[in-house]
């Protein structure tokens, strides 16, 4: 935990943080998994619809916020090559 972020750089309210965590959980339960970009856009959306509207956070702030929330984590995967994807078509399996 980085204490100075909590004290001086609190951009999200507790309810907004809860909403983001709930959004990520909903995505996970639907089998979609929220990407890092999706979470950043959701935070940007929340900030834009505050009264008065606020500027979106920086990417630097977001990455620090992501580290601060251990329940959220990223998984790096290797892209599947086109040949491997095509080898799993229904017709290929029948052949």
N, C-alpha and C. Protein backbone atom coordinates (compact mmCIF):
# COMPACT_ATOMS: atom_id res chain seq x y z
N UNK A 1 0.84 -1.18 0.00
CA UNK A 1 0.00 0.00 0.00
C UNK A 1 0.89 1.24 0.00
N UNK A 2 0.48 2.22 -0.78
CA UNK A 2 1.23 3.46 -0.89
C UNK A 2 0.43 4.54 -0.16
N UNK A 3 0.79 4.88 1.08
CA UNK A 3 -0.05 5.77 1.88
C UNK A 3 -0.24 7.16 1.31
N UNK A 4 0.77 7.71 0.62
CA UNK A 4 0.60 9.07 0.11
C UNK A 4 -0.48 9.16 -0.96
N UNK A 5 -0.76 8.06 -1.66
CA UNK A 5 -1.83 8.09 -2.66
C UNK A 5 -3.19 8.26 -2.01
N UNK A 6 -3.39 7.59 -0.88
CA UNK A 6 -4.67 7.70 -0.19
C UNK A 6 -4.92 9.11 0.32
N UNK A 7 -3.87 9.72 0.83
CA UNK A 7 -4.03 11.01 1.47
C UNK A 7 -4.17 12.16 0.48
N UNK A 8 -3.36 12.18 -0.57
CA UNK A 8 -3.28 13.36 -1.44
C UNK A 8 -3.88 13.16 -2.82
N UNK A 9 -4.07 11.93 -3.24
CA UNK A 9 -4.46 11.71 -4.62
C UNK A 9 -5.72 10.86 -4.70
N UNK A 10 -6.69 11.15 -3.87
CA UNK A 10 -7.93 10.39 -3.81
C UNK A 10 -8.90 10.96 -4.86
N UNK A 11 -8.96 10.32 -6.01
CA UNK A 11 -9.84 10.81 -7.08
C UNK A 11 -11.20 10.13 -7.05
N UNK A 12 -11.27 8.91 -6.54
CA UNK A 12 -12.53 8.19 -6.50
C UNK A 12 -13.08 8.15 -5.08
N UNK A 13 -14.38 8.31 -4.98
CA UNK A 13 -15.01 8.14 -3.68
C UNK A 13 -15.09 6.65 -3.37
N UNK A 14 -15.43 6.33 -2.14
CA UNK A 14 -15.55 4.93 -1.75
C UNK A 14 -16.64 4.24 -2.56
N UNK A 15 -17.75 4.92 -2.79
CA UNK A 15 -18.84 4.32 -3.57
C UNK A 15 -18.43 4.12 -5.04
N UNK A 16 -17.62 5.03 -5.58
CA UNK A 16 -17.13 4.86 -6.95
C UNK A 16 -16.18 3.67 -7.04
N UNK A 17 -15.30 3.52 -6.05
CA UNK A 17 -14.40 2.37 -6.04
C UNK A 17 -15.19 1.08 -5.94
N UNK A 18 -16.22 1.08 -5.09
CA UNK A 18 -17.07 -0.11 -4.96
C UNK A 18 -17.77 -0.43 -6.27
N UNK A 19 -18.20 0.61 -6.98
CA UNK A 19 -18.87 0.41 -8.27
C UNK A 19 -17.91 -0.20 -9.29
N UNK A 20 -16.67 0.25 -9.31
CA UNK A 20 -15.68 -0.30 -10.24
C UNK A 20 -15.39 -1.76 -9.90
N UNK A 21 -15.21 -2.05 -8.62
CA UNK A 21 -14.96 -3.44 -8.22
C UNK A 21 -16.15 -4.33 -8.55
N UNK A 22 -17.36 -3.81 -8.36
CA UNK A 22 -18.57 -4.55 -8.71
C UNK A 22 -18.65 -4.80 -10.21
N UNK A 23 -18.29 -3.80 -11.01
CA UNK A 23 -18.26 -3.93 -12.46
C UNK A 23 -17.30 -5.04 -12.88
N UNK A 24 -16.12 -5.06 -12.28
CA UNK A 24 -15.12 -6.10 -12.61
C UNK A 24 -15.63 -7.48 -12.22
N UNK A 25 -16.28 -7.58 -11.07
CA UNK A 25 -16.83 -8.86 -10.63
C UNK A 25 -17.94 -9.32 -11.56
N UNK A 26 -18.80 -8.40 -11.97
CA UNK A 26 -19.88 -8.75 -12.91
C UNK A 26 -19.30 -9.27 -14.22
N UNK A 27 -18.28 -8.61 -14.72
CA UNK A 27 -17.64 -9.04 -15.96
C UNK A 27 -17.05 -10.45 -15.80
N UNK A 28 -16.43 -10.69 -14.65
CA UNK A 28 -15.83 -12.00 -14.38
C UNK A 28 -16.90 -13.08 -14.33
N UNK A 29 -18.01 -12.80 -13.65
CA UNK A 29 -19.08 -13.79 -13.52
C UNK A 29 -19.75 -14.10 -14.85
N UNK A 30 -19.72 -13.15 -15.77
CA UNK A 30 -20.28 -13.39 -17.09
C UNK A 30 -19.29 -14.09 -18.01
N UNK A 31 -18.08 -14.32 -17.51
CA UNK A 31 -17.06 -15.01 -18.29
C UNK A 31 -16.34 -14.11 -19.27
N UNK A 32 -16.47 -12.80 -19.11
CA UNK A 32 -15.87 -11.87 -20.05
C UNK A 32 -14.53 -11.33 -19.57
N UNK A 33 -14.39 -11.12 -18.31
CA UNK A 33 -13.20 -10.52 -17.70
C UNK A 33 -12.97 -9.11 -18.24
N UNK A 34 -12.92 -8.18 -17.33
CA UNK A 34 -12.68 -6.78 -17.69
C UNK A 34 -11.20 -6.58 -17.99
N UNK A 35 -10.90 -5.94 -19.09
CA UNK A 35 -9.52 -5.64 -19.43
C UNK A 35 -9.08 -4.38 -18.67
N UNK A 36 -7.80 -4.13 -18.65
CA UNK A 36 -7.27 -2.94 -18.00
C UNK A 36 -7.87 -1.70 -18.64
N UNK A 37 -7.96 -1.70 -19.95
CA UNK A 37 -8.51 -0.56 -20.67
C UNK A 37 -10.00 -0.35 -20.32
N UNK A 38 -10.75 -1.44 -20.17
CA UNK A 38 -12.17 -1.33 -19.82
C UNK A 38 -12.35 -0.69 -18.44
N UNK A 39 -11.51 -1.07 -17.49
CA UNK A 39 -11.59 -0.50 -16.14
C UNK A 39 -11.23 0.99 -16.18
N UNK A 40 -10.21 1.34 -16.94
CA UNK A 40 -9.82 2.75 -17.06
C UNK A 40 -10.95 3.57 -17.67
N UNK A 41 -11.59 3.04 -18.70
CA UNK A 41 -12.70 3.76 -19.34
C UNK A 41 -13.88 3.89 -18.39
N UNK A 42 -14.13 2.88 -17.58
CA UNK A 42 -15.22 2.96 -16.61
C UNK A 42 -14.96 4.06 -15.59
N UNK A 43 -13.72 4.18 -15.13
CA UNK A 43 -13.37 5.26 -14.20
C UNK A 43 -13.51 6.62 -14.87
N UNK A 44 -13.07 6.71 -16.11
CA UNK A 44 -13.21 7.95 -16.87
C UNK A 44 -14.68 8.34 -17.01
N UNK A 45 -15.53 7.36 -17.26
CA UNK A 45 -16.97 7.59 -17.38
C UNK A 45 -17.54 8.13 -16.06
N UNK A 46 -17.15 7.50 -14.96
CA UNK A 46 -17.64 7.97 -13.66
C UNK A 46 -17.24 9.41 -13.40
N UNK A 47 -16.00 9.77 -13.73
CA UNK A 47 -15.53 11.13 -13.50
C UNK A 47 -16.25 12.13 -14.41
N UNK A 48 -16.55 11.72 -15.63
CA UNK A 48 -17.21 12.64 -16.58
C UNK A 48 -18.64 12.94 -16.17
N UNK A 49 -19.29 12.02 -15.46
CA UNK A 49 -20.68 12.22 -15.09
C UNK A 49 -20.87 12.67 -13.65
N UNK A 50 -19.79 13.14 -13.02
CA UNK A 50 -19.93 13.77 -11.71
C UNK A 50 -20.51 15.16 -11.92
N UNK A 51 -20.98 15.74 -10.84
CA UNK A 51 -21.51 17.09 -10.93
C UNK A 51 -20.65 17.99 -10.06
N UNK A 52 -19.90 18.89 -10.59
CA UNK A 52 -19.61 19.16 -11.99
C UNK A 52 -18.67 18.09 -12.57
N UNK A 53 -18.67 17.95 -13.90
CA UNK A 53 -17.80 16.94 -14.52
C UNK A 53 -16.33 17.18 -14.21
N UNK A 54 -15.61 16.11 -14.01
CA UNK A 54 -14.18 16.19 -13.70
C UNK A 54 -13.37 15.63 -14.85
N UNK A 55 -12.12 16.04 -14.90
CA UNK A 55 -11.19 15.52 -15.91
C UNK A 55 -10.90 14.05 -15.62
N UNK A 56 -10.64 13.26 -16.66
CA UNK A 56 -10.30 11.86 -16.43
C UNK A 56 -8.93 11.75 -15.74
N UNK A 57 -8.72 10.68 -14.99
CA UNK A 57 -7.42 10.52 -14.35
C UNK A 57 -6.35 10.19 -15.37
N UNK A 58 -5.11 10.40 -14.97
CA UNK A 58 -4.00 10.06 -15.87
C UNK A 58 -3.78 8.55 -15.84
N UNK A 59 -3.09 8.05 -16.86
CA UNK A 59 -2.77 6.62 -16.90
C UNK A 59 -1.84 6.27 -15.74
N UNK A 60 -0.96 7.18 -15.38
CA UNK A 60 -0.05 6.96 -14.26
C UNK A 60 -0.84 6.78 -12.96
N UNK A 61 -1.83 7.66 -12.73
CA UNK A 61 -2.66 7.52 -11.54
C UNK A 61 -3.37 6.18 -11.55
N UNK A 62 -3.90 5.80 -12.71
CA UNK A 62 -4.65 4.56 -12.81
C UNK A 62 -3.78 3.35 -12.49
N UNK A 63 -2.56 3.30 -13.01
CA UNK A 63 -1.70 2.15 -12.74
C UNK A 63 -1.35 2.07 -11.25
N UNK A 64 -1.16 3.20 -10.61
CA UNK A 64 -0.90 3.21 -9.16
C UNK A 64 -2.14 2.77 -8.40
N UNK A 65 -3.31 3.20 -8.84
CA UNK A 65 -4.56 2.78 -8.20
C UNK A 65 -4.77 1.28 -8.36
N UNK A 66 -4.42 0.75 -9.52
CA UNK A 66 -4.57 -0.68 -9.78
C UNK A 66 -3.66 -1.49 -8.85
N UNK A 67 -2.45 -1.02 -8.62
CA UNK A 67 -1.52 -1.69 -7.70
C UNK A 67 -2.06 -1.64 -6.27
N UNK A 68 -2.70 -0.54 -5.94
CA UNK A 68 -3.24 -0.35 -4.59
C UNK A 68 -4.41 -1.28 -4.30
N UNK A 69 -5.06 -1.81 -5.33
CA UNK A 69 -6.21 -2.69 -5.17
C UNK A 69 -5.81 -4.12 -5.51
N UNK A 70 -5.38 -4.88 -4.50
CA UNK A 70 -4.87 -6.23 -4.78
C UNK A 70 -5.94 -7.21 -5.27
N UNK A 71 -7.22 -6.89 -5.11
CA UNK A 71 -8.25 -7.79 -5.62
C UNK A 71 -8.33 -7.75 -7.13
N UNK A 72 -7.80 -6.69 -7.73
CA UNK A 72 -7.75 -6.58 -9.18
C UNK A 72 -6.34 -6.92 -9.64
N UNK A 73 -6.24 -7.76 -10.63
CA UNK A 73 -4.93 -8.12 -11.15
C UNK A 73 -5.05 -8.41 -12.63
N UNK A 74 -3.94 -8.41 -13.31
CA UNK A 74 -3.93 -8.66 -14.74
C UNK A 74 -3.28 -10.00 -15.02
N UNK A 75 -3.72 -10.60 -16.11
CA UNK A 75 -3.16 -11.86 -16.56
C UNK A 75 -2.63 -11.63 -17.96
N UNK A 76 -1.39 -11.95 -18.17
CA UNK A 76 -0.78 -11.80 -19.50
C UNK A 76 -0.87 -13.13 -20.21
N UNK A 77 -1.38 -13.12 -21.42
CA UNK A 77 -1.47 -14.34 -22.22
C UNK A 77 -0.80 -14.12 -23.56
N UNK A 78 -0.37 -15.20 -24.16
CA UNK A 78 0.20 -15.11 -25.49
C UNK A 78 -0.93 -15.22 -26.51
N UNK A 79 -0.87 -14.43 -27.55
CA UNK A 79 -1.92 -14.54 -28.56
C UNK A 79 -1.84 -15.88 -29.29
N UNK A 80 -3.00 -16.45 -29.58
CA UNK A 80 -3.05 -17.70 -30.31
C UNK A 80 -2.85 -17.41 -31.79
N UNK A 81 -2.00 -18.19 -32.41
CA UNK A 81 -1.75 -17.96 -33.82
C UNK A 81 -2.98 -18.32 -34.64
N UNK A 82 -3.09 -17.74 -35.80
CA UNK A 82 -4.24 -17.95 -36.66
C UNK A 82 -4.42 -19.43 -37.00
N UNK A 83 -3.31 -20.14 -37.23
CA UNK A 83 -3.38 -21.55 -37.59
C UNK A 83 -3.99 -22.38 -36.46
N UNK A 84 -3.65 -22.06 -35.23
CA UNK A 84 -4.21 -22.81 -34.10
C UNK A 84 -5.70 -22.53 -33.94
N UNK A 85 -6.11 -21.32 -34.19
CA UNK A 85 -7.53 -21.00 -34.09
C UNK A 85 -8.30 -21.73 -35.18
N UNK A 86 -7.79 -21.73 -36.39
CA UNK A 86 -8.46 -22.38 -37.50
C UNK A 86 -8.49 -23.90 -37.36
N UNK A 87 -7.56 -24.47 -36.64
CA UNK A 87 -7.54 -25.93 -36.48
C UNK A 87 -8.63 -26.42 -35.53
N UNK A 88 -9.33 -25.52 -34.90
CA UNK A 88 -10.37 -25.89 -33.96
C UNK A 88 -11.78 -25.60 -34.48
N UNK A 89 -11.93 -25.54 -35.76
CA UNK A 89 -13.26 -25.33 -36.31
C UNK A 89 -14.02 -26.65 -36.30
N UNK A 90 -15.32 -26.58 -36.36
CA UNK A 90 -16.14 -27.78 -36.33
C UNK A 90 -15.83 -28.72 -37.50
N UNK A 91 -15.61 -28.14 -38.67
CA UNK A 91 -15.30 -28.96 -39.85
C UNK A 91 -13.98 -29.69 -39.69
N UNK A 92 -12.97 -29.00 -39.16
CA UNK A 92 -11.67 -29.62 -38.95
C UNK A 92 -11.76 -30.80 -37.98
N UNK A 93 -12.56 -30.66 -36.95
CA UNK A 93 -12.72 -31.74 -35.98
C UNK A 93 -13.42 -32.92 -36.62
N UNK A 94 -14.44 -32.66 -37.45
CA UNK A 94 -15.14 -33.76 -38.13
C UNK A 94 -14.22 -34.50 -39.08
N UNK A 95 -13.34 -33.77 -39.77
CA UNK A 95 -12.41 -34.40 -40.70
C UNK A 95 -11.42 -35.26 -39.95
